[in-house]
Amino acid sequence: MKPKRFPQITLEQLDPQAQVLAKEILGFSSVGLGGPYNPMLRSPVMADRLKRLLDYLRFNSSLPLRLNEFAILIQGRLWTSQVEWFAHYPLALKAGLPASVADDLKANIRPRNMQPDEAVVYDVSMEMSTRHRISDELFHRARTILGEQQLVDLIAVNGTYVTVAMLLSLGEELPPEGQPLPFPERPAD
């Protein structure tokens, strides 16, 4: 196994201001200072600002938590992001996303039996990610089902979790040692 691109950062390696942020992260993170936080903390000011955006998107978004976590899983699947899926799959199920919907997504098929709001989250997330725009019909359907603020928050969560997936990919971060890879078809490089 090759060494990590970014050796695991520790509290002791951080300056006092960054330690405050790291302690906040340790208070909620299922991967400690691993996952996206390991590369993020190499740029403490960016890490602080991104963490505050993540706080809004994870805990205060206008989107219901079930839909928010579904959008995160969509990006995790599109990016084959081991850590994103590992961290957010149980959160999505706890928030009420049916396991069958998440499992279909993991299998790279359009989830069956989605509720109308889940289907619009899937369609908007996929079209924006693959076509970089959405049709007028989808925009009107999404605005009718979600409303304007939820639609804007949906785009923000998608874009932010693309950034998280990129940071994870950059660092070749993996789930905690001993945990299986959610996507064994993409082994560690």
Foldseek 3Di string as FASTA:
>chain_A
DDDWPQHADDLVVADPVLNVVLVVCCVDPPQRCFQLNRLLSVPSVSSVVLVVLVCCLQPPAPDQNLLSLLLQLLLCQVLVQQVSCVRRVVVNVVSPHDPQCSVCVLVVHHRPPDDLQNVLLNQVSVCCVPVVDDDPVSVVSNCVVPNDRNVVSSVVSNVSSNVSSVSCVVRVTHGPPPDDGSDVVDDRD
